[in-house]
N, C-alpha and C. Protein backbone atom coordinates (compact mmCIF):
# COMPACT_ATOMS: atom_id res chain seq x y z
N MET A 1 85.39 59.71 146.96
CA MET A 1 84.70 58.73 146.14
C MET A 1 85.02 58.99 144.68
N ILE A 2 85.35 57.97 144.01
CA ILE A 2 85.78 58.11 142.63
C ILE A 2 84.61 58.27 141.66
N GLN A 3 83.39 58.02 142.08
CA GLN A 3 82.25 58.10 141.18
C GLN A 3 81.57 59.47 141.23
N ARG A 4 82.21 60.48 141.73
CA ARG A 4 81.63 61.81 141.83
C ARG A 4 81.75 62.56 140.50
N ILE A 5 81.03 63.67 140.37
CA ILE A 5 81.01 64.43 139.13
C ILE A 5 82.36 65.08 138.84
N GLN A 6 83.12 65.42 139.90
CA GLN A 6 84.42 66.03 139.65
C GLN A 6 85.37 65.05 138.97
N THR A 7 85.17 63.76 139.16
CA THR A 7 86.00 62.77 138.47
C THR A 7 85.77 62.83 136.98
N ILE A 8 84.52 63.01 136.58
CA ILE A 8 84.20 63.13 135.15
C ILE A 8 84.82 64.39 134.58
N TYR A 9 84.69 65.50 135.31
CA TYR A 9 85.28 66.76 134.84
C TYR A 9 86.79 66.65 134.72
N LEU A 10 87.43 66.06 135.70
CA LEU A 10 88.89 65.91 135.66
C LEU A 10 89.33 64.96 134.55
N PHE A 11 88.55 63.92 134.32
CA PHE A 11 88.88 62.98 133.24
C PHE A 11 88.74 63.66 131.87
N ILE A 12 87.72 64.49 131.71
CA ILE A 12 87.56 65.23 130.45
C ILE A 12 88.72 66.21 130.26
N ALA A 13 89.11 66.90 131.34
CA ALA A 13 90.24 67.83 131.26
C ALA A 13 91.53 67.09 130.89
N ALA A 14 91.72 65.89 131.45
CA ALA A 14 92.91 65.10 131.11
C ALA A 14 92.84 64.64 129.65
N GLY A 15 91.67 64.27 129.20
CA GLY A 15 91.51 63.86 127.80
C GLY A 15 91.77 64.99 126.83
N VAL A 16 91.33 66.18 127.18
CA VAL A 16 91.57 67.34 126.33
C VAL A 16 93.06 67.65 126.30
N SER A 17 93.71 67.59 127.45
CA SER A 17 95.13 67.95 127.53
C SER A 17 96.05 66.89 126.93
N ALA A 18 95.67 65.64 127.03
CA ALA A 18 96.57 64.57 126.55
C ALA A 18 96.17 64.00 125.21
N GLY A 19 94.89 63.97 124.90
CA GLY A 19 94.46 63.30 123.69
C GLY A 19 94.26 64.21 122.50
N LEU A 20 93.63 65.34 122.73
CA LEU A 20 93.27 66.20 121.61
C LEU A 20 94.44 66.99 121.05
N ILE A 21 95.57 67.03 121.75
CA ILE A 21 96.72 67.76 121.23
C ILE A 21 97.33 67.04 120.02
N PHE A 22 97.05 65.75 119.90
CA PHE A 22 97.55 65.00 118.75
C PHE A 22 96.59 65.07 117.57
N VAL A 23 95.39 65.56 117.80
CA VAL A 23 94.36 65.64 116.75
C VAL A 23 94.31 67.02 116.12
N PHE A 24 94.31 68.06 116.96
CA PHE A 24 94.17 69.43 116.47
C PHE A 24 95.52 70.12 116.40
N GLU A 25 95.73 70.86 115.31
CA GLU A 25 96.98 71.60 115.15
C GLU A 25 96.92 72.90 115.94
N LEU A 26 98.09 73.37 116.34
CA LEU A 26 98.17 74.64 117.06
C LEU A 26 98.14 75.82 116.09
N TRP A 27 98.90 75.71 115.02
CA TRP A 27 98.87 76.74 113.99
C TRP A 27 99.45 76.18 112.71
N LYS A 28 99.32 76.96 111.66
CA LYS A 28 99.87 76.60 110.36
C LYS A 28 100.97 77.60 110.04
N THR A 29 102.13 77.10 109.64
CA THR A 29 103.25 77.98 109.32
C THR A 29 103.05 78.60 107.95
N THR A 30 103.95 79.52 107.59
CA THR A 30 103.84 80.20 106.30
C THR A 30 104.04 79.24 105.13
N SER A 31 104.71 78.14 105.36
CA SER A 31 104.92 77.16 104.29
C SER A 31 103.82 76.10 104.27
N ASP A 32 102.66 76.40 104.84
CA ASP A 32 101.49 75.52 104.91
C ASP A 32 101.78 74.19 105.60
N GLN A 33 102.68 74.21 106.55
CA GLN A 33 102.97 73.02 107.34
C GLN A 33 102.24 73.15 108.68
N LEU A 34 101.53 72.10 109.07
CA LEU A 34 100.79 72.13 110.33
C LEU A 34 101.74 71.91 111.51
N PHE A 35 101.56 72.70 112.57
CA PHE A 35 102.38 72.61 113.75
C PHE A 35 101.54 72.04 114.88
N TYR A 36 101.92 70.89 115.38
CA TYR A 36 101.22 70.24 116.48
C TYR A 36 102.02 70.42 117.77
N ALA A 37 101.41 70.10 118.89
CA ALA A 37 102.08 70.27 120.19
C ALA A 37 103.28 69.34 120.32
N GLN A 38 103.24 68.18 119.71
CA GLN A 38 104.37 67.26 119.85
C GLN A 38 105.58 67.70 119.03
N ASP A 39 105.43 68.74 118.20
CA ASP A 39 106.57 69.26 117.46
C ASP A 39 107.50 70.11 118.32
N ASP A 40 107.03 70.58 119.45
CA ASP A 40 107.85 71.36 120.38
C ASP A 40 107.75 70.73 121.76
N SER A 41 108.89 70.44 122.35
CA SER A 41 108.89 69.70 123.61
C SER A 41 108.32 70.52 124.78
N ILE A 42 108.41 71.84 124.72
CA ILE A 42 107.86 72.67 125.80
C ILE A 42 106.35 72.56 125.83
N TYR A 43 105.71 72.72 124.67
CA TYR A 43 104.26 72.62 124.61
C TYR A 43 103.78 71.21 124.97
N LEU A 44 104.49 70.22 124.46
CA LEU A 44 104.12 68.83 124.77
C LEU A 44 104.25 68.55 126.27
N GLY A 45 105.33 69.03 126.87
CA GLY A 45 105.53 68.82 128.30
C GLY A 45 104.47 69.51 129.14
N LEU A 46 104.08 70.72 128.76
CA LEU A 46 103.05 71.44 129.52
C LEU A 46 101.68 70.78 129.37
N PHE A 47 101.35 70.34 128.16
CA PHE A 47 100.07 69.65 127.97
C PHE A 47 100.03 68.33 128.74
N LEU A 48 101.10 67.56 128.64
CA LEU A 48 101.12 66.28 129.34
C LEU A 48 101.22 66.46 130.86
N GLY A 49 101.87 67.54 131.30
CA GLY A 49 101.90 67.85 132.73
C GLY A 49 100.51 68.19 133.25
N SER A 50 99.75 68.91 132.44
CA SER A 50 98.37 69.23 132.82
C SER A 50 97.52 67.96 132.90
N ALA A 51 97.70 67.07 131.95
CA ALA A 51 96.96 65.80 131.97
C ALA A 51 97.36 64.96 133.17
N ALA A 52 98.64 64.94 133.49
CA ALA A 52 99.10 64.16 134.64
C ALA A 52 98.55 64.73 135.95
N LEU A 53 98.50 66.05 136.07
CA LEU A 53 97.93 66.65 137.28
C LEU A 53 96.45 66.32 137.40
N SER A 54 95.75 66.28 136.29
CA SER A 54 94.33 65.92 136.33
C SER A 54 94.14 64.48 136.78
N LEU A 55 94.96 63.58 136.24
CA LEU A 55 94.84 62.17 136.62
C LEU A 55 95.26 61.93 138.06
N ILE A 56 96.29 62.63 138.52
CA ILE A 56 96.69 62.50 139.92
C ILE A 56 95.58 63.03 140.83
N SER A 57 94.97 64.12 140.41
CA SER A 57 93.90 64.72 141.20
C SER A 57 92.68 63.80 141.30
N ILE A 58 92.43 63.00 140.28
CA ILE A 58 91.31 62.05 140.32
C ILE A 58 91.50 61.07 141.47
N PHE A 59 92.71 60.59 141.66
CA PHE A 59 92.95 59.57 142.67
C PHE A 59 93.29 60.15 144.05
N MET A 60 93.17 61.45 144.20
CA MET A 60 93.34 62.09 145.50
C MET A 60 91.98 62.36 146.14
N TYR A 61 91.00 61.52 145.86
CA TYR A 61 89.63 61.78 146.30
C TYR A 61 89.47 61.71 147.82
N LYS A 62 90.36 61.04 148.52
CA LYS A 62 90.25 60.96 149.98
C LYS A 62 90.71 62.24 150.66
N ASN A 63 91.55 63.00 150.00
CA ASN A 63 92.05 64.24 150.54
C ASN A 63 91.58 65.39 149.65
N ARG A 64 90.41 65.92 149.97
CA ARG A 64 89.78 66.92 149.11
C ARG A 64 90.56 68.23 149.05
N LYS A 65 91.24 68.59 150.13
CA LYS A 65 92.00 69.84 150.12
C LYS A 65 93.17 69.78 149.13
N SER A 66 93.86 68.67 149.12
CA SER A 66 94.96 68.55 148.16
C SER A 66 94.44 68.36 146.74
N GLN A 67 93.28 67.75 146.60
CA GLN A 67 92.66 67.63 145.28
C GLN A 67 92.29 69.02 144.75
N PHE A 68 91.75 69.85 145.61
CA PHE A 68 91.40 71.22 145.24
C PHE A 68 92.65 72.02 144.89
N MET A 69 93.72 71.84 145.67
CA MET A 69 94.97 72.54 145.42
C MET A 69 95.60 72.11 144.10
N LEU A 70 95.55 70.82 143.80
CA LEU A 70 96.08 70.34 142.52
C LEU A 70 95.26 70.88 141.35
N GLY A 71 93.96 71.04 141.54
CA GLY A 71 93.12 71.64 140.51
C GLY A 71 93.51 73.08 140.24
N ARG A 72 93.77 73.84 141.31
CA ARG A 72 94.21 75.23 141.14
C ARG A 72 95.57 75.30 140.45
N LEU A 73 96.47 74.41 140.83
CA LEU A 73 97.79 74.36 140.20
C LEU A 73 97.66 74.03 138.72
N ASN A 74 96.75 73.15 138.39
CA ASN A 74 96.52 72.78 137.00
C ASN A 74 95.92 73.95 136.21
N ILE A 75 95.06 74.72 136.84
CA ILE A 75 94.50 75.90 136.18
C ILE A 75 95.61 76.90 135.88
N ILE A 76 96.52 77.09 136.83
CA ILE A 76 97.64 78.01 136.63
C ILE A 76 98.53 77.51 135.50
N LEU A 77 98.78 76.20 135.45
CA LEU A 77 99.59 75.62 134.38
C LEU A 77 98.95 75.86 133.01
N ASN A 78 97.63 75.72 132.93
CA ASN A 78 96.94 75.97 131.67
C ASN A 78 96.96 77.44 131.29
N PHE A 79 96.91 78.34 132.29
CA PHE A 79 97.04 79.77 131.98
C PHE A 79 98.44 80.10 131.47
N VAL A 80 99.46 79.45 132.00
CA VAL A 80 100.82 79.63 131.50
C VAL A 80 100.90 79.16 130.05
N LEU A 81 100.31 78.03 129.77
CA LEU A 81 100.29 77.50 128.41
C LEU A 81 99.57 78.45 127.47
N LEU A 82 98.45 78.97 127.91
CA LEU A 82 97.69 79.93 127.11
C LEU A 82 98.50 81.21 126.90
N GLY A 83 99.21 81.65 127.94
CA GLY A 83 100.06 82.82 127.82
C GLY A 83 101.19 82.62 126.82
N LEU A 84 101.76 81.43 126.78
CA LEU A 84 102.79 81.13 125.78
C LEU A 84 102.23 81.20 124.37
N PHE A 85 101.01 80.73 124.18
CA PHE A 85 100.38 80.80 122.86
C PHE A 85 100.14 82.25 122.45
N VAL A 86 99.64 83.05 123.38
CA VAL A 86 99.38 84.46 123.08
C VAL A 86 100.69 85.19 122.80
N TYR A 87 101.71 84.91 123.60
CA TYR A 87 103.02 85.52 123.38
C TYR A 87 103.57 85.15 122.02
N ARG A 88 103.45 83.89 121.67
CA ARG A 88 103.98 83.42 120.38
C ARG A 88 103.24 84.06 119.21
N SER A 89 101.93 84.23 119.35
CA SER A 89 101.16 84.77 118.22
C SER A 89 101.26 86.29 118.13
N LEU A 90 101.48 87.00 119.24
CA LEU A 90 101.51 88.46 119.21
C LEU A 90 102.92 89.04 119.13
N ASN A 91 103.92 88.32 119.57
CA ASN A 91 105.27 88.87 119.63
C ASN A 91 106.01 88.78 118.30
N LEU A 92 105.61 87.87 117.46
CA LEU A 92 106.31 87.71 116.19
C LEU A 92 105.96 88.87 115.27
N SER A 93 106.97 89.42 114.63
CA SER A 93 106.73 90.55 113.74
C SER A 93 106.27 90.06 112.38
N GLY A 94 105.20 90.61 111.92
CA GLY A 94 104.68 90.24 110.61
C GLY A 94 104.18 88.82 110.58
N GLU A 95 104.46 88.16 109.49
CA GLU A 95 104.02 86.78 109.34
C GLU A 95 105.24 85.89 109.16
N SER A 96 106.15 85.96 110.13
CA SER A 96 107.41 85.25 109.98
C SER A 96 107.28 83.75 110.18
N ASP A 97 106.43 83.33 111.11
CA ASP A 97 106.35 81.90 111.39
C ASP A 97 104.92 81.40 111.43
N VAL A 98 104.04 82.12 112.11
CA VAL A 98 102.67 81.67 112.28
C VAL A 98 101.81 82.33 111.21
N SER A 99 101.25 81.52 110.34
CA SER A 99 100.41 82.06 109.29
C SER A 99 98.94 82.06 109.69
N GLU A 100 98.49 80.95 110.25
CA GLU A 100 97.08 80.80 110.61
C GLU A 100 96.98 80.04 111.92
N LYS A 101 96.21 80.57 112.86
CA LYS A 101 96.07 79.90 114.15
C LYS A 101 95.11 78.73 114.00
N GLY A 102 95.41 77.65 114.73
CA GLY A 102 94.58 76.46 114.68
C GLY A 102 93.67 76.35 115.89
N ILE A 103 92.84 75.34 115.87
CA ILE A 103 91.88 75.12 116.95
C ILE A 103 92.58 74.65 118.23
N GLY A 104 93.79 74.15 118.11
CA GLY A 104 94.52 73.64 119.27
C GLY A 104 94.89 74.71 120.28
N ILE A 105 94.86 75.97 119.86
CA ILE A 105 95.20 77.05 120.78
C ILE A 105 94.13 77.22 121.85
N VAL A 106 92.89 76.83 121.58
CA VAL A 106 91.81 77.00 122.57
C VAL A 106 91.68 75.79 123.49
N LEU A 107 92.49 74.76 123.32
CA LEU A 107 92.42 73.59 124.19
C LEU A 107 92.69 73.91 125.66
N PRO A 108 93.65 74.81 125.99
CA PRO A 108 93.81 75.16 127.41
C PRO A 108 92.57 75.84 128.00
N ILE A 109 91.84 76.60 127.19
CA ILE A 109 90.62 77.25 127.68
C ILE A 109 89.57 76.20 128.03
N VAL A 110 89.42 75.20 127.16
CA VAL A 110 88.46 74.12 127.43
C VAL A 110 88.85 73.36 128.69
N SER A 111 90.14 73.12 128.83
CA SER A 111 90.63 72.43 130.02
C SER A 111 90.39 73.26 131.28
N ILE A 112 90.60 74.56 131.20
CA ILE A 112 90.37 75.44 132.34
C ILE A 112 88.91 75.41 132.77
N VAL A 113 88.01 75.40 131.80
CA VAL A 113 86.57 75.37 132.12
C VAL A 113 86.23 74.10 132.91
N PHE A 114 86.71 72.96 132.45
CA PHE A 114 86.41 71.71 133.15
C PHE A 114 87.11 71.64 134.51
N LEU A 115 88.28 72.23 134.62
CA LEU A 115 88.96 72.24 135.92
C LEU A 115 88.24 73.14 136.92
N VAL A 116 87.70 74.25 136.46
CA VAL A 116 86.92 75.12 137.35
C VAL A 116 85.65 74.41 137.80
N LEU A 117 84.99 73.71 136.89
CA LEU A 117 83.80 72.94 137.28
C LEU A 117 84.15 71.86 138.30
N ALA A 118 85.29 71.20 138.10
CA ALA A 118 85.72 70.17 139.05
C ALA A 118 86.02 70.78 140.42
N ASN A 119 86.68 71.94 140.43
CA ASN A 119 86.99 72.59 141.71
C ASN A 119 85.72 73.05 142.42
N LYS A 120 84.72 73.49 141.67
CA LYS A 120 83.45 73.86 142.30
C LYS A 120 82.79 72.65 142.94
N ALA A 121 82.85 71.49 142.27
CA ALA A 121 82.26 70.27 142.82
C ALA A 121 83.04 69.79 144.04
N ILE A 122 84.34 69.92 144.02
CA ILE A 122 85.17 69.53 145.16
C ILE A 122 84.86 70.43 146.35
N LYS A 123 84.75 71.72 146.10
CA LYS A 123 84.42 72.67 147.17
C LYS A 123 83.03 72.39 147.74
N LYS A 124 82.10 72.01 146.89
CA LYS A 124 80.75 71.67 147.35
C LYS A 124 80.79 70.44 148.26
N ASP A 125 81.57 69.43 147.88
CA ASP A 125 81.72 68.24 148.72
C ASP A 125 82.36 68.58 150.06
N GLU A 126 83.38 69.44 150.03
CA GLU A 126 84.07 69.83 151.26
C GLU A 126 83.12 70.58 152.18
N ASP A 127 82.31 71.47 151.62
CA ASP A 127 81.33 72.21 152.44
C ASP A 127 80.28 71.27 153.03
N LEU A 128 79.88 70.26 152.26
CA LEU A 128 78.91 69.29 152.76
C LEU A 128 79.47 68.49 153.93
N VAL A 129 80.72 68.08 153.83
CA VAL A 129 81.35 67.32 154.91
C VAL A 129 81.51 68.19 156.15
N LYS A 130 81.87 69.46 155.96
CA LYS A 130 82.01 70.36 157.10
C LYS A 130 80.67 70.60 157.79
N SER A 131 79.59 70.68 157.02
CA SER A 131 78.28 70.91 157.63
C SER A 131 77.82 69.68 158.40
N VAL A 132 78.14 68.50 157.93
CA VAL A 132 77.78 67.27 158.65
C VAL A 132 78.61 67.14 159.92
N ASP A 133 79.88 67.54 159.86
CA ASP A 133 80.74 67.49 161.05
C ASP A 133 80.25 68.45 162.14
N ARG A 134 79.63 69.55 161.75
CA ARG A 134 79.12 70.49 162.73
C ARG A 134 77.95 69.90 163.50
N LEU A 135 77.18 69.02 162.85
CA LEU A 135 76.01 68.43 163.50
C LEU A 135 76.38 67.36 164.51
N ARG A 136 77.55 66.77 164.40
CA ARG A 136 77.95 65.71 165.32
C ARG A 136 78.28 66.19 166.67
């Protein structure tokens, strides 16, 4: 059913991954230039891939197991994105490129939180259906 709470959680996760990356900067370079996700195709592709997985997962409501699996895959994708941010900020020596971290670096964390909430709701629905099937 598309009107369930996991749909709202997945829609918020898709909005965070696809919409807010154009609003919040990832970091500020040493020349005071703001760096957004669309400035690098890898970051843009990972963010938009996460949003696409969330939207695909919304419309997989008839198959809860695959919806749950897509949610887990999306969580892994966001952890990879977060790992790239941590690698980029910690591996650079001194202040060669990244001067100040922006709020956009925490967007994968926000997305992960909503994806975990959605997976908990999907699991709750699956357990409810299994308990009803046992009674038949």
